[in-house]
Each structure stands twice: as structure tokens, then as C-alpha cells.
Amino acid sequence: MVNALKCSEAFNEEELKEATRTLADLQTNLHSFEKVAERTIKIAVRRGLTIYEASYVALVLQLHSPPYTADEKLLTKIANLNVGKHISEFHV
């Protein structure tokens, strides 16, 4: 995330540091790519996905969590895996 901000060239060093602190406060969980790498590659090759897209799918499969996305092309490519729901289906 911070890399994307840096690459945008819209943020200076102090702003990037502040963004890092803010992201840490969100209490998100980080997961090692190593744990899903093989499954990610398999999904990417067999489904015609990018490694980025496939890593999302592989992590969802590993965590058995209900995934939501607005990426309709991704949902079409993974439809028969029975993972992934459109964000419009999310209800609090």
C-alpha cells in the first residue's frame, strides 16, 4: 500500500511515514505469500489470472473467509470455485 503511495509521487517522506502509521492503526492482518504461493500459481495459470488476483483467491480459499470484490471479470473467472461475491451483496 505504501509503495503505491510512493510511486504516485504525490506524497513526501513525512506523509508516507504518517500513512504507514495510519495503516498500522487499522489492525489489518498480514499473511505471508509463501503460504499460498503454490496455490496462487496454480490458480493464476489455470484461470488466466494475474498473480495478484490469484493470490487474493488463494488466500480466501486458505482462510475459508467470505470474499467480496467489485471485480466482475475476476468473479466470472472464479465462478465455479464457489468463492467470491460481488460487493453489492455485502450487508451489515
N, C-alpha and C. Protein backbone atom coordinates (compact mmCIF):
# COMPACT_ATOMS: atom_id res chain seq x y z
N MET A 1 0.83 -1.18 0.00
CA MET A 1 0.00 0.00 0.00
C MET A 1 0.88 1.26 0.00
N VAL A 2 1.84 1.29 0.90
CA VAL A 2 2.70 2.47 0.99
C VAL A 2 3.53 2.61 -0.29
N ASN A 3 3.91 1.50 -0.89
CA ASN A 3 4.64 1.55 -2.15
C ASN A 3 3.81 2.23 -3.23
N ALA A 4 2.52 1.93 -3.29
CA ALA A 4 1.65 2.56 -4.28
C ALA A 4 1.58 4.07 -4.04
N LEU A 5 1.52 4.46 -2.78
CA LEU A 5 1.50 5.89 -2.46
C LEU A 5 2.81 6.56 -2.89
N LYS A 6 3.93 5.88 -2.62
CA LYS A 6 5.23 6.44 -3.00
C LYS A 6 5.34 6.56 -4.52
N CYS A 7 4.91 5.53 -5.22
CA CYS A 7 5.00 5.54 -6.68
C CYS A 7 4.11 6.61 -7.32
N SER A 8 3.09 7.03 -6.62
CA SER A 8 2.21 8.07 -7.15
C SER A 8 2.92 9.42 -7.19
N GLU A 9 4.00 9.53 -6.42
CA GLU A 9 4.79 10.75 -6.31
C GLU A 9 3.97 11.93 -5.77
N ALA A 10 2.86 11.63 -5.12
CA ALA A 10 2.00 12.68 -4.55
C ALA A 10 2.28 12.91 -3.07
N PHE A 11 3.16 12.09 -2.47
CA PHE A 11 3.40 12.15 -1.04
C PHE A 11 4.88 12.32 -0.76
N ASN A 12 5.19 13.17 0.22
CA ASN A 12 6.59 13.32 0.62
C ASN A 12 6.93 12.29 1.69
N GLU A 13 8.16 12.31 2.15
CA GLU A 13 8.63 11.31 3.11
C GLU A 13 7.82 11.31 4.39
N GLU A 14 7.54 12.48 4.94
CA GLU A 14 6.77 12.55 6.19
C GLU A 14 5.35 12.05 6.00
N GLU A 15 4.75 12.35 4.88
CA GLU A 15 3.39 11.88 4.60
C GLU A 15 3.36 10.36 4.45
N LEU A 16 4.40 9.80 3.85
CA LEU A 16 4.48 8.35 3.73
C LEU A 16 4.62 7.69 5.10
N LYS A 17 5.40 8.31 5.97
CA LYS A 17 5.55 7.78 7.33
C LYS A 17 4.21 7.84 8.06
N GLU A 18 3.49 8.93 7.91
CA GLU A 18 2.18 9.07 8.55
C GLU A 18 1.19 8.04 7.99
N ALA A 19 1.23 7.82 6.70
CA ALA A 19 0.36 6.81 6.08
C ALA A 19 0.67 5.43 6.63
N THR A 20 1.94 5.14 6.85
CA THR A 20 2.34 3.85 7.41
C THR A 20 1.78 3.68 8.82
N ARG A 21 1.87 4.73 9.62
CA ARG A 21 1.32 4.67 10.99
C ARG A 21 -0.20 4.50 10.96
N THR A 22 -0.85 5.21 10.07
CA THR A 22 -2.30 5.11 9.95
C THR A 22 -2.73 3.71 9.53
N LEU A 23 -2.03 3.14 8.57
CA LEU A 23 -2.34 1.77 8.13
C LEU A 23 -2.13 0.77 9.26
N ALA A 24 -1.09 0.97 10.05
CA ALA A 24 -0.84 0.08 11.19
C ALA A 24 -1.98 0.16 12.19
N ASP A 25 -2.56 1.33 12.35
CA ASP A 25 -3.68 1.51 13.28
C ASP A 25 -4.95 0.80 12.83
N LEU A 26 -5.03 0.45 11.56
CA LEU A 26 -6.23 -0.24 11.06
C LEU A 26 -6.33 -1.67 11.56
N GLN A 27 -5.28 -2.16 12.15
CA GLN A 27 -5.23 -3.51 12.71
C GLN A 27 -5.58 -4.57 11.68
N THR A 28 -5.03 -4.42 10.51
CA THR A 28 -5.23 -5.42 9.47
C THR A 28 -4.29 -6.59 9.71
N ASN A 29 -4.62 -7.72 9.18
CA ASN A 29 -3.77 -8.90 9.28
C ASN A 29 -2.98 -9.06 8.01
N LEU A 30 -1.69 -9.29 8.16
CA LEU A 30 -0.85 -9.56 7.01
C LEU A 30 -0.62 -11.06 6.93
N HIS A 31 -0.66 -11.58 5.73
CA HIS A 31 -0.47 -13.01 5.52
C HIS A 31 0.71 -13.22 4.58
N SER A 32 1.51 -14.20 4.88
CA SER A 32 2.69 -14.49 4.09
C SER A 32 2.29 -15.08 2.73
N PHE A 33 2.88 -14.52 1.68
CA PHE A 33 2.64 -15.06 0.34
C PHE A 33 3.17 -16.48 0.23
N GLU A 34 4.22 -16.74 0.99
CA GLU A 34 4.84 -18.07 0.97
C GLU A 34 3.83 -19.18 1.22
N LYS A 35 2.88 -18.92 2.11
CA LYS A 35 1.89 -19.94 2.48
C LYS A 35 0.90 -20.24 1.37
N VAL A 36 0.72 -19.31 0.45
CA VAL A 36 -0.26 -19.52 -0.62
C VAL A 36 0.37 -19.48 -2.01
N ALA A 37 1.70 -19.43 -2.08
CA ALA A 37 2.39 -19.26 -3.37
C ALA A 37 2.06 -20.34 -4.39
N GLU A 38 2.17 -21.60 -3.99
CA GLU A 38 1.92 -22.68 -4.96
C GLU A 38 0.47 -22.67 -5.44
N ARG A 39 -0.44 -22.50 -4.51
CA ARG A 39 -1.86 -22.46 -4.88
C ARG A 39 -2.13 -21.24 -5.77
N THR A 40 -1.47 -20.13 -5.47
CA THR A 40 -1.63 -18.91 -6.26
C THR A 40 -1.20 -19.13 -7.70
N ILE A 41 -0.05 -19.75 -7.89
CA ILE A 41 0.46 -20.00 -9.24
C ILE A 41 -0.47 -20.94 -9.99
N LYS A 42 -0.92 -21.97 -9.33
CA LYS A 42 -1.84 -22.92 -9.94
C LYS A 42 -3.11 -22.22 -10.41
N ILE A 43 -3.68 -21.40 -9.55
CA ILE A 43 -4.91 -20.69 -9.89
C ILE A 43 -4.66 -19.70 -11.03
N ALA A 44 -3.55 -18.97 -10.96
CA ALA A 44 -3.24 -17.97 -11.99
C ALA A 44 -3.11 -18.62 -13.37
N VAL A 45 -2.38 -19.71 -13.42
CA VAL A 45 -2.16 -20.38 -14.71
C VAL A 45 -3.45 -21.00 -15.23
N ARG A 46 -4.18 -21.67 -14.39
CA ARG A 46 -5.39 -22.39 -14.83
C ARG A 46 -6.59 -21.49 -15.08
N ARG A 47 -6.63 -20.32 -14.45
CA ARG A 47 -7.78 -19.42 -14.59
C ARG A 47 -7.49 -18.18 -15.42
N GLY A 48 -6.25 -18.04 -15.87
CA GLY A 48 -5.91 -16.86 -16.66
C GLY A 48 -5.93 -15.58 -15.84
N LEU A 49 -5.50 -15.68 -14.58
CA LEU A 49 -5.48 -14.53 -13.69
C LEU A 49 -4.06 -14.01 -13.51
N THR A 50 -3.96 -12.79 -13.05
CA THR A 50 -2.65 -12.29 -12.65
C THR A 50 -2.29 -12.94 -11.32
N ILE A 51 -1.02 -12.89 -10.97
CA ILE A 51 -0.59 -13.42 -9.67
C ILE A 51 -1.30 -12.64 -8.56
N TYR A 52 -1.45 -11.34 -8.74
CA TYR A 52 -2.15 -10.51 -7.75
C TYR A 52 -3.57 -11.02 -7.53
N GLU A 53 -4.32 -11.21 -8.61
CA GLU A 53 -5.70 -11.69 -8.49
C GLU A 53 -5.75 -13.08 -7.87
N ALA A 54 -4.87 -13.94 -8.34
CA ALA A 54 -4.86 -15.32 -7.87
C ALA A 54 -4.45 -15.41 -6.40
N SER A 55 -3.60 -14.51 -5.94
CA SER A 55 -3.21 -14.55 -4.53
C SER A 55 -4.40 -14.20 -3.64
N TYR A 56 -5.25 -13.32 -4.09
CA TYR A 56 -6.49 -12.99 -3.37
C TYR A 56 -7.36 -14.24 -3.26
N VAL A 57 -7.54 -14.92 -4.35
CA VAL A 57 -8.37 -16.12 -4.38
C VAL A 57 -7.76 -17.22 -3.50
N ALA A 58 -6.45 -17.43 -3.61
CA ALA A 58 -5.78 -18.46 -2.82
C ALA A 58 -5.89 -18.17 -1.32
N LEU A 59 -5.75 -16.92 -0.94
CA LEU A 59 -5.87 -16.56 0.47
C LEU A 59 -7.29 -16.79 0.97
N VAL A 60 -8.25 -16.44 0.16
CA VAL A 60 -9.65 -16.67 0.52
C VAL A 60 -9.91 -18.16 0.73
N LEU A 61 -9.37 -18.98 -0.15
CA LEU A 61 -9.55 -20.43 -0.02
C LEU A 61 -8.87 -20.95 1.25
N GLN A 62 -7.69 -20.42 1.56
CA GLN A 62 -6.98 -20.87 2.75
C GLN A 62 -7.69 -20.45 4.03
N LEU A 63 -8.21 -19.25 4.05
CA LEU A 63 -8.83 -18.72 5.28
C LEU A 63 -10.29 -19.12 5.43
N HIS A 64 -10.87 -19.66 4.38
CA HIS A 64 -12.30 -20.01 4.40
C HIS A 64 -13.13 -18.80 4.82
N SER A 65 -12.79 -17.67 4.23
CA SER A 65 -13.49 -16.44 4.58
C SER A 65 -14.36 -15.98 3.41
N PRO A 66 -15.42 -15.28 3.71
CA PRO A 66 -16.30 -14.82 2.62
C PRO A 66 -15.68 -13.60 1.93
N PRO A 67 -15.23 -13.76 0.69
CA PRO A 67 -14.60 -12.66 -0.02
C PRO A 67 -15.62 -11.80 -0.78
N TYR A 68 -15.36 -10.54 -0.84
CA TYR A 68 -16.19 -9.62 -1.62
C TYR A 68 -15.28 -8.81 -2.52
N THR A 69 -15.74 -8.56 -3.74
CA THR A 69 -14.98 -7.75 -4.69
C THR A 69 -15.95 -7.08 -5.65
N ALA A 70 -15.50 -5.99 -6.24
CA ALA A 70 -16.27 -5.32 -7.29
C ALA A 70 -15.77 -5.74 -8.67
N ASP A 71 -14.77 -6.60 -8.71
CA ASP A 71 -14.14 -7.03 -9.96
C ASP A 71 -14.98 -8.12 -10.62
N GLU A 72 -15.86 -7.71 -11.52
CA GLU A 72 -16.77 -8.66 -12.15
C GLU A 72 -16.06 -9.66 -13.06
N LYS A 73 -14.97 -9.24 -13.70
CA LYS A 73 -14.20 -10.16 -14.54
C LYS A 73 -13.58 -11.26 -13.69
N LEU A 74 -13.06 -10.88 -12.53
CA LEU A 74 -12.49 -11.87 -11.62
C LEU A 74 -13.57 -12.85 -11.16
N LEU A 75 -14.72 -12.33 -10.78
CA LEU A 75 -15.81 -13.20 -10.33
C LEU A 75 -16.23 -14.19 -11.41
N THR A 76 -16.23 -13.76 -12.65
CA THR A 76 -16.57 -14.66 -13.76
C THR A 76 -15.54 -15.77 -13.89
N LYS A 77 -14.27 -15.42 -13.77
CA LYS A 77 -13.20 -16.41 -13.94
C LYS A 77 -13.13 -17.43 -12.80
N ILE A 78 -13.65 -17.08 -11.63
CA ILE A 78 -13.59 -17.99 -10.48
C ILE A 78 -14.96 -18.51 -10.08
N ALA A 79 -15.95 -18.32 -10.93
CA ALA A 79 -17.33 -18.65 -10.59
C ALA A 79 -17.50 -20.09 -10.10
N ASN A 80 -16.88 -21.06 -10.77
CA ASN A 80 -17.10 -22.46 -10.37
C ASN A 80 -16.26 -22.89 -9.17
N LEU A 81 -15.48 -21.97 -8.59
CA LEU A 81 -14.75 -22.29 -7.36
C LEU A 81 -15.62 -22.05 -6.13
N ASN A 82 -16.77 -21.45 -6.36
CA ASN A 82 -17.69 -21.11 -5.27
C ASN A 82 -17.05 -20.22 -4.21
N VAL A 83 -16.21 -19.32 -4.65
CA VAL A 83 -15.66 -18.29 -3.78
C VAL A 83 -15.89 -16.96 -4.47
N GLY A 84 -16.11 -15.97 -3.69
CA GLY A 84 -16.24 -14.63 -4.24
C GLY A 84 -17.68 -14.21 -4.42
N LYS A 85 -17.95 -13.05 -3.90
CA LYS A 85 -19.27 -12.44 -4.05
C LYS A 85 -19.07 -11.00 -4.47
N HIS A 86 -20.03 -10.49 -5.21
CA HIS A 86 -19.95 -9.09 -5.60
C HIS A 86 -20.20 -8.23 -4.37
N ILE A 87 -19.50 -7.12 -4.30
CA ILE A 87 -19.59 -6.24 -3.13
C ILE A 87 -21.04 -5.76 -2.91
N SER A 88 -21.83 -5.74 -3.95
CA SER A 88 -23.23 -5.32 -3.81
C SER A 88 -24.04 -6.29 -2.94
N GLU A 89 -23.52 -7.49 -2.74
CA GLU A 89 -24.20 -8.48 -1.90
C GLU A 89 -23.85 -8.34 -0.42
N PHE A 90 -22.92 -7.45 -0.12
CA PHE A 90 -22.48 -7.28 1.28
C PHE A 90 -23.54 -6.51 2.07
N HIS A 91 -23.89 -7.06 3.23
CA HIS A 91 -24.85 -6.39 4.12
C HIS A 91 -24.32 -6.43 5.53
N VAL A 92 -24.48 -5.34 6.22
CA VAL A 92 -24.01 -5.26 7.61
C VAL A 92 -25.06 -5.81 8.55
